All heavy atoms as atom14 arrays in JSON, in Angstrom:
{
  "sequence": "DGDGWREGPDLLPRKGEASGLSGRSDRYLGCLLDGLGKPATRGGH",
  "atom14_mask": [
    [1, 1, 1, 1, 1, 1, 1, 1, 0, 0, 0, 0, 0, 0],
    [1, 1, 1, 1, 0, 0, 0, 0, 0, 0, 0, 0, 0, 0],
    [1, 1, 1, 1, 1, 1, 1, 1, 0, 0, 0, 0, 0, 0],
    [1, 1, 1, 1, 0, 0, 0, 0, 0, 0, 0, 0, 0, 0],
    [1, 1, 1, 1, 1, 1, 1, 1, 1, 1, 1, 1, 1, 1],
    [1, 1, 1, 1, 1, 1, 1, 1, 1, 1, 1, 0, 0, 0],
    [1, 1, 1, 1, 1, 1, 1, 1, 1, 0, 0, 0, 0, 0],
    [1, 1, 1, 1, 0, 0, 0, 0, 0, 0, 0, 0, 0, 0],
    [1, 1, 1, 1, 1, 1, 1, 0, 0, 0, 0, 0, 0, 0],
    [1, 1, 1, 1, 1, 1, 1, 1, 0, 0, 0, 0, 0, 0],
    [1, 1, 1, 1, 1, 1, 1, 1, 0, 0, 0, 0, 0, 0],
    [1, 1, 1, 1, 1, 1, 1, 1, 0, 0, 0, 0, 0, 0],
    [1, 1, 1, 1, 1, 1, 1, 0, 0, 0, 0, 0, 0, 0],
    [1, 1, 1, 1, 1, 1, 1, 1, 1, 1, 1, 0, 0, 0],
    [1, 1, 1, 1, 1, 1, 1, 1, 1, 0, 0, 0, 0, 0],
    [1, 1, 1, 1, 0, 0, 0, 0, 0, 0, 0, 0, 0, 0],
    [1, 1, 1, 1, 1, 1, 1, 1, 1, 0, 0, 0, 0, 0],
    [1, 1, 1, 1, 1, 0, 0, 0, 0, 0, 0, 0, 0, 0],
    [1, 1, 1, 1, 1, 1, 0, 0, 0, 0, 0, 0, 0, 0],
    [1, 1, 1, 1, 0, 0, 0, 0, 0, 0, 0, 0, 0, 0],
    [1, 1, 1, 1, 1, 1, 1, 1, 0, 0, 0, 0, 0, 0],
    [1, 1, 1, 1, 1, 1, 0, 0, 0, 0, 0, 0, 0, 0],
    [1, 1, 1, 1, 0, 0, 0, 0, 0, 0, 0, 0, 0, 0],
    [1, 1, 1, 1, 1, 1, 1, 1, 1, 1, 1, 0, 0, 0],
    [1, 1, 1, 1, 1, 1, 0, 0, 0, 0, 0, 0, 0, 0],
    [1, 1, 1, 1, 1, 1, 1, 1, 0, 0, 0, 0, 0, 0],
    [1, 1, 1, 1, 1, 1, 1, 1, 1, 1, 1, 0, 0, 0],
    [1, 1, 1, 1, 1, 1, 1, 1, 1, 1, 1, 1, 0, 0],
    [1, 1, 1, 1, 1, 1, 1, 1, 0, 0, 0, 0, 0, 0],
    [1, 1, 1, 1, 0, 0, 0, 0, 0, 0, 0, 0, 0, 0],
    [1, 1, 1, 1, 1, 1, 0, 0, 0, 0, 0, 0, 0, 0],
    [1, 1, 1, 1, 1, 1, 1, 1, 0, 0, 0, 0, 0, 0],
    [1, 1, 1, 1, 1, 1, 1, 1, 0, 0, 0, 0, 0, 0],
    [1, 1, 1, 1, 1, 1, 1, 1, 0, 0, 0, 0, 0, 0],
    [1, 1, 1, 1, 0, 0, 0, 0, 0, 0, 0, 0, 0, 0],
    [1, 1, 1, 1, 1, 1, 1, 1, 0, 0, 0, 0, 0, 0],
    [1, 1, 1, 1, 0, 0, 0, 0, 0, 0, 0, 0, 0, 0],
    [1, 1, 1, 1, 1, 1, 1, 1, 1, 0, 0, 0, 0, 0],
    [1, 1, 1, 1, 1, 1, 1, 0, 0, 0, 0, 0, 0, 0],
    [1, 1, 1, 1, 1, 0, 0, 0, 0, 0, 0, 0, 0, 0],
    [1, 1, 1, 1, 1, 1, 1, 0, 0, 0, 0, 0, 0, 0],
    [1, 1, 1, 1, 1, 1, 1, 1, 1, 1, 1, 0, 0, 0],
    [1, 1, 1, 1, 0, 0, 0, 0, 0, 0, 0, 0, 0, 0],
    [1, 1, 1, 1, 0, 0, 0, 0, 0, 0, 0, 0, 0, 0],
    [1, 1, 1, 1, 1, 1, 1, 1, 1, 1, 0, 0, 0, 0]
  ],
  "atom14_positions": [
    [[92.27, 106.39, 111.07], [91.65, 105.83, 112.31], [91.76, 106.94, 113.28], [92.83, 107.19, 113.9], [92.47, 104.58, 112.71], [91.94, 104.0, 114.02], [90.73, 104.38, 114.4], [92.59, 103.19, 114.64], [0.0, 0.0, 0.0], [0.0, 0.0, 0.0], [0.0, 0.0, 0.0], [0.0, 0.0, 0.0], [0.0, 0.0, 0.0], [0.0, 0.0, 0.0]],
    [[90.68, 107.67, 113.55], [90.71, 108.78, 114.54], [91.58, 109.88, 113.88], [91.32, 110.37, 112.89], [0.0, 0.0, 0.0], [0.0, 0.0, 0.0], [0.0, 0.0, 0.0], [0.0, 0.0, 0.0], [0.0, 0.0, 0.0], [0.0, 0.0, 0.0], [0.0, 0.0, 0.0], [0.0, 0.0, 0.0], [0.0, 0.0, 0.0], [0.0, 0.0, 0.0]],
    [[92.59, 110.32, 114.65], [93.44, 111.39, 114.23], [94.77, 110.85, 113.71], [95.8, 111.56, 113.62], [93.77, 112.35, 115.38], [92.5, 113.22, 115.69], [91.86, 113.57, 114.67], [92.33, 113.52, 116.82], [0.0, 0.0, 0.0], [0.0, 0.0, 0.0], [0.0, 0.0, 0.0], [0.0, 0.0, 0.0], [0.0, 0.0, 0.0], [0.0, 0.0, 0.0]],
    [[94.77, 109.59, 113.22], [96.02, 109.01, 112.69], [95.66, 107.93, 111.68], [94.51, 107.89, 111.13], [0.0, 0.0, 0.0], [0.0, 0.0, 0.0], [0.0, 0.0, 0.0], [0.0, 0.0, 0.0], [0.0, 0.0, 0.0], [0.0, 0.0, 0.0], [0.0, 0.0, 0.0], [0.0, 0.0, 0.0], [0.0, 0.0, 0.0], [0.0, 0.0, 0.0]],
    [[96.62, 107.04, 111.44], [96.44, 105.99, 110.48], [96.89, 104.65, 111.06], [97.8, 104.62, 111.87], [97.17, 106.2, 109.21], [96.7, 107.38, 108.42], [95.7, 107.34, 107.46], [97.13, 108.72, 108.47], [95.55, 108.6, 106.91], [96.42, 109.47, 107.54], [98.12, 109.35, 109.21], [96.56, 110.78, 107.37], [98.32, 110.73, 109.06], [97.54, 111.47, 108.12]],
    [[96.23, 103.58, 110.66], [96.73, 102.25, 110.98], [97.81, 102.01, 109.99], [97.65, 102.11, 108.82], [95.59, 101.21, 110.89], [94.4, 101.49, 111.8], [93.35, 100.38, 111.66], [92.86, 100.27, 110.32], [91.82, 101.02, 109.83], [91.29, 101.92, 110.59], [91.44, 100.86, 108.65], [0.0, 0.0, 0.0], [0.0, 0.0, 0.0], [0.0, 0.0, 0.0]],
    [[98.93, 101.44, 110.51], [100.07, 101.18, 109.63], [100.02, 99.73, 109.08], [100.45, 98.77, 109.69], [101.42, 101.36, 110.39], [101.72, 102.8, 110.81], [102.13, 103.64, 109.65], [102.24, 103.16, 108.55], [102.44, 104.79, 109.89], [0.0, 0.0, 0.0], [0.0, 0.0, 0.0], [0.0, 0.0, 0.0], [0.0, 0.0, 0.0], [0.0, 0.0, 0.0]],
    [[99.34, 99.59, 107.9], [99.29, 98.26, 107.31], [100.68, 97.85, 106.81], [101.56, 98.65, 106.63], [0.0, 0.0, 0.0], [0.0, 0.0, 0.0], [0.0, 0.0, 0.0], [0.0, 0.0, 0.0], [0.0, 0.0, 0.0], [0.0, 0.0, 0.0], [0.0, 0.0, 0.0], [0.0, 0.0, 0.0], [0.0, 0.0, 0.0], [0.0, 0.0, 0.0]],
    [[100.87, 96.57, 106.59], [102.27, 96.12, 106.23], [102.77, 96.72, 104.94], [104.01, 96.84, 104.76], [102.03, 94.69, 106.04], [100.53, 94.43, 105.84], [99.89, 95.52, 106.64], [0.0, 0.0, 0.0], [0.0, 0.0, 0.0], [0.0, 0.0, 0.0], [0.0, 0.0, 0.0], [0.0, 0.0, 0.0], [0.0, 0.0, 0.0], [0.0, 0.0, 0.0]],
    [[101.91, 97.14, 104.01], [102.39, 97.78, 102.79], [102.56, 99.27, 102.92], [103.03, 99.93, 101.98], [101.41, 97.52, 101.62], [99.94, 98.0, 101.91], [99.6, 98.17, 103.14], [99.33, 98.4, 100.92], [0.0, 0.0, 0.0], [0.0, 0.0, 0.0], [0.0, 0.0, 0.0], [0.0, 0.0, 0.0], [0.0, 0.0, 0.0], [0.0, 0.0, 0.0]],
    [[102.28, 99.83, 104.07], [102.36, 101.22, 104.24], [103.43, 101.63, 105.32], [103.59, 102.79, 105.63], [101.04, 101.88, 104.72], [99.94, 101.71, 103.75], [98.6, 102.2, 104.27], [100.25, 102.46, 102.34], [0.0, 0.0, 0.0], [0.0, 0.0, 0.0], [0.0, 0.0, 0.0], [0.0, 0.0, 0.0], [0.0, 0.0, 0.0], [0.0, 0.0, 0.0]],
    [[104.13, 100.64, 105.78], [105.19, 100.98, 106.79], [106.27, 101.75, 106.2], [106.6, 101.56, 105.01], [105.7, 99.63, 107.37], [104.74, 98.84, 108.27], [105.37, 97.55, 108.6], [104.4, 99.6, 109.52], [0.0, 0.0, 0.0], [0.0, 0.0, 0.0], [0.0, 0.0, 0.0], [0.0, 0.0, 0.0], [0.0, 0.0, 0.0], [0.0, 0.0, 0.0]],
    [[106.95, 102.62, 106.93], [108.05, 103.43, 106.39], [109.18, 102.47, 105.88], [109.45, 101.49, 106.48], [108.52, 104.27, 107.55], [107.34, 104.3, 108.54], [106.64, 102.96, 108.32], [0.0, 0.0, 0.0], [0.0, 0.0, 0.0], [0.0, 0.0, 0.0], [0.0, 0.0, 0.0], [0.0, 0.0, 0.0], [0.0, 0.0, 0.0], [0.0, 0.0, 0.0]],
    [[109.75, 102.87, 104.78], [110.92, 102.15, 104.26], [112.12, 102.55, 105.09], [112.09, 103.55, 105.82], [111.16, 102.45, 102.75], [110.01, 101.99, 101.88], [110.19, 102.56, 100.45], [109.11, 102.15, 99.61], [108.89, 102.58, 98.42], [109.78, 103.44, 97.92], [107.91, 102.22, 97.66], [0.0, 0.0, 0.0], [0.0, 0.0, 0.0], [0.0, 0.0, 0.0]],
    [[113.19, 101.78, 104.92], [114.4, 102.08, 105.61], [114.88, 103.47, 105.33], [114.98, 103.93, 104.14], [115.55, 101.12, 105.21], [116.79, 101.26, 105.99], [117.88, 100.16, 105.64], [119.11, 100.34, 106.47], [120.15, 99.34, 106.07], [0.0, 0.0, 0.0], [0.0, 0.0, 0.0], [0.0, 0.0, 0.0], [0.0, 0.0, 0.0], [0.0, 0.0, 0.0]],
    [[115.15, 104.26, 106.35], [115.6, 105.63, 106.22], [114.43, 106.68, 106.16], [114.71, 107.88, 106.23], [0.0, 0.0, 0.0], [0.0, 0.0, 0.0], [0.0, 0.0, 0.0], [0.0, 0.0, 0.0], [0.0, 0.0, 0.0], [0.0, 0.0, 0.0], [0.0, 0.0, 0.0], [0.0, 0.0, 0.0], [0.0, 0.0, 0.0], [0.0, 0.0, 0.0]],
    [[113.19, 106.18, 106.05], [112.07, 107.15, 106.09], [111.57, 107.37, 107.48], [111.55, 106.47, 108.35], [110.91, 106.63, 105.24], [111.26, 106.51, 103.79], [110.03, 106.02, 102.97], [109.28, 105.2, 103.47], [110.0, 106.34, 101.8], [0.0, 0.0, 0.0], [0.0, 0.0, 0.0], [0.0, 0.0, 0.0], [0.0, 0.0, 0.0], [0.0, 0.0, 0.0]],
    [[111.01, 108.56, 107.74], [110.48, 108.89, 109.1], [109.11, 108.22, 109.23], [108.48, 107.92, 108.27], [110.34, 110.38, 109.2], [0.0, 0.0, 0.0], [0.0, 0.0, 0.0], [0.0, 0.0, 0.0], [0.0, 0.0, 0.0], [0.0, 0.0, 0.0], [0.0, 0.0, 0.0], [0.0, 0.0, 0.0], [0.0, 0.0, 0.0], [0.0, 0.0, 0.0]],
    [[108.81, 108.01, 110.49], [107.48, 107.43, 110.77], [106.48, 108.47, 111.24], [106.9, 109.64, 111.29], [107.64, 106.34, 111.88], [108.18, 106.92, 113.04], [0.0, 0.0, 0.0], [0.0, 0.0, 0.0], [0.0, 0.0, 0.0], [0.0, 0.0, 0.0], [0.0, 0.0, 0.0], [0.0, 0.0, 0.0], [0.0, 0.0, 0.0], [0.0, 0.0, 0.0]],
    [[105.31, 108.1, 111.55], [104.35, 109.06, 112.07], [103.86, 110.01, 110.97], [103.95, 109.77, 109.76], [0.0, 0.0, 0.0], [0.0, 0.0, 0.0], [0.0, 0.0, 0.0], [0.0, 0.0, 0.0], [0.0, 0.0, 0.0], [0.0, 0.0, 0.0], [0.0, 0.0, 0.0], [0.0, 0.0, 0.0], [0.0, 0.0, 0.0], [0.0, 0.0, 0.0]],
    [[103.28, 111.18, 111.4], [102.71, 112.17, 110.49], [103.78, 112.71, 109.53], [103.52, 112.87, 108.39], [102.06, 113.24, 111.3], [101.53, 114.46, 110.43], [100.46, 113.94, 109.49], [100.97, 115.52, 111.35], [0.0, 0.0, 0.0], [0.0, 0.0, 0.0], [0.0, 0.0, 0.0], [0.0, 0.0, 0.0], [0.0, 0.0, 0.0], [0.0, 0.0, 0.0]],
    [[105.0, 112.99, 110.11], [106.07, 113.53, 109.24], [106.44, 112.55, 108.12], [106.47, 113.04, 106.92], [107.27, 113.75, 110.13], [108.46, 114.18, 109.3], [0.0, 0.0, 0.0], [0.0, 0.0, 0.0], [0.0, 0.0, 0.0], [0.0, 0.0, 0.0], [0.0, 0.0, 0.0], [0.0, 0.0, 0.0], [0.0, 0.0, 0.0], [0.0, 0.0, 0.0]],
    [[106.55, 111.33, 108.43], [106.94, 110.37, 107.38], [105.76, 110.17, 106.37], [106.0, 110.07, 105.19], [0.0, 0.0, 0.0], [0.0, 0.0, 0.0], [0.0, 0.0, 0.0], [0.0, 0.0, 0.0], [0.0, 0.0, 0.0], [0.0, 0.0, 0.0], [0.0, 0.0, 0.0], [0.0, 0.0, 0.0], [0.0, 0.0, 0.0], [0.0, 0.0, 0.0]],
    [[104.56, 110.12, 106.92], [103.36, 109.81, 106.05], [103.19, 111.01, 105.13], [102.9, 110.82, 103.93], [102.13, 109.59, 106.97], [100.87, 109.27, 106.15], [100.9, 107.89, 105.54], [100.98, 106.87, 106.66], [100.0, 106.02, 106.94], [98.89, 106.02, 106.19], [100.15, 105.12, 107.88], [0.0, 0.0, 0.0], [0.0, 0.0, 0.0], [0.0, 0.0, 0.0]],
    [[103.31, 112.21, 105.67], [103.08, 113.4, 104.82], [104.15, 113.53, 103.76], [103.88, 113.92, 102.63], [103.01, 114.66, 105.69], [104.26, 114.85, 106.43], [0.0, 0.0, 0.0], [0.0, 0.0, 0.0], [0.0, 0.0, 0.0], [0.0, 0.0, 0.0], [0.0, 0.0, 0.0], [0.0, 0.0, 0.0], [0.0, 0.0, 0.0], [0.0, 0.0, 0.0]],
    [[105.37, 113.18, 104.13], [106.48, 113.34, 103.13], [106.3, 112.26, 101.99], [106.51, 112.57, 100.82], [107.82, 113.1, 103.74], [109.03, 113.36, 102.74], [109.08, 114.52, 102.31], [109.73, 112.43, 102.41], [0.0, 0.0, 0.0], [0.0, 0.0, 0.0], [0.0, 0.0, 0.0], [0.0, 0.0, 0.0], [0.0, 0.0, 0.0], [0.0, 0.0, 0.0]],
    [[105.89, 111.04, 102.36], [105.62, 110.04, 101.34], [104.45, 110.52, 100.49], [104.39, 110.27, 99.23], [105.35, 108.71, 102.0], [106.56, 107.95, 102.44], [106.25, 106.64, 103.13], [105.8, 106.9, 104.45], [105.17, 105.94, 105.21], [104.84, 104.8, 104.69], [104.8, 106.21, 106.4], [0.0, 0.0, 0.0], [0.0, 0.0, 0.0], [0.0, 0.0, 0.0]],
    [[103.44, 111.1, 101.12], [102.28, 111.56, 100.28], [102.72, 112.67, 99.3], [102.41, 112.65, 98.1], [101.17, 112.1, 101.18], [100.15, 112.8, 100.4], [99.21, 112.12, 99.64], [100.1, 114.22, 100.29], [98.26, 112.8, 98.9], [99.2, 114.92, 99.58], [98.25, 114.2, 98.85], [97.39, 114.85, 98.07], [0.0, 0.0, 0.0], [0.0, 0.0, 0.0]],
    [[103.47, 113.65, 99.81], [103.99, 114.73, 98.92], [104.73, 114.17, 97.73], [104.68, 114.58, 96.57], [104.85, 115.71, 99.73], [105.42, 116.89, 98.93], [104.32, 117.75, 98.29], [106.3, 117.73, 99.79], [0.0, 0.0, 0.0], [0.0, 0.0, 0.0], [0.0, 0.0, 0.0], [0.0, 0.0, 0.0], [0.0, 0.0, 0.0], [0.0, 0.0, 0.0]],
    [[105.62, 113.23, 98.11], [106.39, 112.56, 96.93], [105.47, 111.91, 95.95], [105.69, 112.0, 94.67], [0.0, 0.0, 0.0], [0.0, 0.0, 0.0], [0.0, 0.0, 0.0], [0.0, 0.0, 0.0], [0.0, 0.0, 0.0], [0.0, 0.0, 0.0], [0.0, 0.0, 0.0], [0.0, 0.0, 0.0], [0.0, 0.0, 0.0], [0.0, 0.0, 0.0]],
    [[104.46, 111.19, 96.41], [103.51, 110.56, 95.57], [102.76, 111.59, 94.66], [102.69, 111.4, 93.47], [102.48, 109.71, 96.3], [101.22, 108.91, 95.38], [0.0, 0.0, 0.0], [0.0, 0.0, 0.0], [0.0, 0.0, 0.0], [0.0, 0.0, 0.0], [0.0, 0.0, 0.0], [0.0, 0.0, 0.0], [0.0, 0.0, 0.0], [0.0, 0.0, 0.0]],
    [[102.31, 112.62, 95.27], [101.57, 113.73, 94.62], [102.42, 114.3, 93.53], [101.99, 114.44, 92.38], [101.09, 114.76, 95.55], [100.41, 115.98, 94.99], [99.04, 115.63, 94.37], [100.17, 117.02, 96.08], [0.0, 0.0, 0.0], [0.0, 0.0, 0.0], [0.0, 0.0, 0.0], [0.0, 0.0, 0.0], [0.0, 0.0, 0.0], [0.0, 0.0, 0.0]],
    [[103.64, 114.71, 93.92], [104.48, 115.41, 92.94], [104.96, 114.54, 91.82], [105.1, 114.91, 90.69], [105.67, 116.09, 93.64], [105.27, 117.2, 94.6], [106.59, 117.74, 95.28], [104.54, 118.38, 93.89], [0.0, 0.0, 0.0], [0.0, 0.0, 0.0], [0.0, 0.0, 0.0], [0.0, 0.0, 0.0], [0.0, 0.0, 0.0], [0.0, 0.0, 0.0]],
    [[105.29, 113.29, 92.14], [105.66, 112.31, 91.18], [104.52, 112.09, 90.13], [104.68, 111.95, 88.94], [106.07, 110.98, 91.72], [107.38, 111.0, 92.41], [108.08, 112.07, 92.22], [107.76, 110.08, 93.19], [0.0, 0.0, 0.0], [0.0, 0.0, 0.0], [0.0, 0.0, 0.0], [0.0, 0.0, 0.0], [0.0, 0.0, 0.0], [0.0, 0.0, 0.0]],
    [[103.29, 111.93, 90.69], [102.15, 111.79, 89.8], [101.9, 112.98, 88.94], [101.61, 112.81, 87.72], [0.0, 0.0, 0.0], [0.0, 0.0, 0.0], [0.0, 0.0, 0.0], [0.0, 0.0, 0.0], [0.0, 0.0, 0.0], [0.0, 0.0, 0.0], [0.0, 0.0, 0.0], [0.0, 0.0, 0.0], [0.0, 0.0, 0.0], [0.0, 0.0, 0.0]],
    [[101.91, 114.18, 89.45], [101.66, 115.43, 88.74], [102.79, 115.6, 87.7], [102.62, 116.35, 86.73], [101.61, 116.56, 89.6], [100.33, 116.59, 90.57], [100.42, 117.91, 91.39], [99.07, 116.49, 89.8], [0.0, 0.0, 0.0], [0.0, 0.0, 0.0], [0.0, 0.0, 0.0], [0.0, 0.0, 0.0], [0.0, 0.0, 0.0], [0.0, 0.0, 0.0]],
    [[103.97, 114.96, 87.92], [105.06, 114.98, 86.96], [104.78, 114.22, 85.74], [105.51, 114.37, 84.73], [0.0, 0.0, 0.0], [0.0, 0.0, 0.0], [0.0, 0.0, 0.0], [0.0, 0.0, 0.0], [0.0, 0.0, 0.0], [0.0, 0.0, 0.0], [0.0, 0.0, 0.0], [0.0, 0.0, 0.0], [0.0, 0.0, 0.0], [0.0, 0.0, 0.0]],
    [[103.74, 113.42, 85.59], [103.38, 112.69, 84.52], [102.42, 113.62, 83.68], [101.33, 113.84, 84.14], [102.66, 111.42, 84.79], [103.39, 110.45, 85.8], [104.65, 110.0, 85.29], [105.33, 109.14, 86.33], [106.68, 108.61, 85.84], [0.0, 0.0, 0.0], [0.0, 0.0, 0.0], [0.0, 0.0, 0.0], [0.0, 0.0, 0.0], [0.0, 0.0, 0.0]],
    [[102.75, 114.05, 82.5], [101.86, 114.96, 81.75], [100.52, 114.27, 81.5], [100.39, 113.14, 81.13], [102.59, 115.2, 80.4], [104.02, 114.96, 80.77], [104.07, 113.91, 81.81], [0.0, 0.0, 0.0], [0.0, 0.0, 0.0], [0.0, 0.0, 0.0], [0.0, 0.0, 0.0], [0.0, 0.0, 0.0], [0.0, 0.0, 0.0], [0.0, 0.0, 0.0]],
    [[99.44, 114.96, 81.83], [98.1, 114.44, 81.64], [97.75, 114.25, 80.15], [98.13, 115.09, 79.32], [97.09, 115.38, 82.32], [0.0, 0.0, 0.0], [0.0, 0.0, 0.0], [0.0, 0.0, 0.0], [0.0, 0.0, 0.0], [0.0, 0.0, 0.0], [0.0, 0.0, 0.0], [0.0, 0.0, 0.0], [0.0, 0.0, 0.0], [0.0, 0.0, 0.0]],
    [[97.06, 113.19, 79.83], [96.62, 112.89, 78.47], [95.15, 113.32, 78.31], [94.43, 113.57, 79.28], [96.77, 111.45, 78.15], [95.94, 110.72, 79.07], [98.28, 111.05, 78.41], [0.0, 0.0, 0.0], [0.0, 0.0, 0.0], [0.0, 0.0, 0.0], [0.0, 0.0, 0.0], [0.0, 0.0, 0.0], [0.0, 0.0, 0.0], [0.0, 0.0, 0.0]],
    [[94.69, 113.36, 77.07], [93.22, 113.56, 76.87], [92.43, 112.46, 77.53], [91.38, 112.72, 78.07], [92.93, 113.56, 75.34], [93.37, 114.88, 74.73], [92.93, 114.97, 73.22], [93.3, 116.27, 72.58], [92.51, 117.33, 72.66], [91.32, 117.28, 73.28], [92.91, 118.41, 72.13], [0.0, 0.0, 0.0], [0.0, 0.0, 0.0], [0.0, 0.0, 0.0]],
    [[92.92, 111.21, 77.49], [92.17, 110.15, 78.16], [92.12, 110.32, 79.62], [91.09, 110.09, 80.21], [0.0, 0.0, 0.0], [0.0, 0.0, 0.0], [0.0, 0.0, 0.0], [0.0, 0.0, 0.0], [0.0, 0.0, 0.0], [0.0, 0.0, 0.0], [0.0, 0.0, 0.0], [0.0, 0.0, 0.0], [0.0, 0.0, 0.0], [0.0, 0.0, 0.0]],
    [[93.18, 110.78, 80.22], [93.22, 111.11, 81.64], [92.19, 112.18, 82.08], [91.49, 112.08, 83.02], [0.0, 0.0, 0.0], [0.0, 0.0, 0.0], [0.0, 0.0, 0.0], [0.0, 0.0, 0.0], [0.0, 0.0, 0.0], [0.0, 0.0, 0.0], [0.0, 0.0, 0.0], [0.0, 0.0, 0.0], [0.0, 0.0, 0.0], [0.0, 0.0, 0.0]],
    [[92.19, 113.26, 81.29], [91.27, 114.32, 81.51], [89.85, 113.91, 81.32], [89.02, 114.2, 82.19], [91.58, 115.48, 80.62], [92.74, 116.39, 81.04], [92.76, 117.02, 82.28], [93.91, 116.71, 80.41], [93.96, 117.69, 82.33], [94.59, 117.57, 81.22], [0.0, 0.0, 0.0], [0.0, 0.0, 0.0], [0.0, 0.0, 0.0], [0.0, 0.0, 0.0]]
  ]
}
């Protein structure tokens, strides 16, 4: 939404997590690295 995000109820920071861009970006990085940590399969490719 513009230069930020609307915080839907399922996207609010968990306890101990930062809010705003810092929190959102850290959660994204965790999601990206956790996902890339799953070895890709032939079906996935």
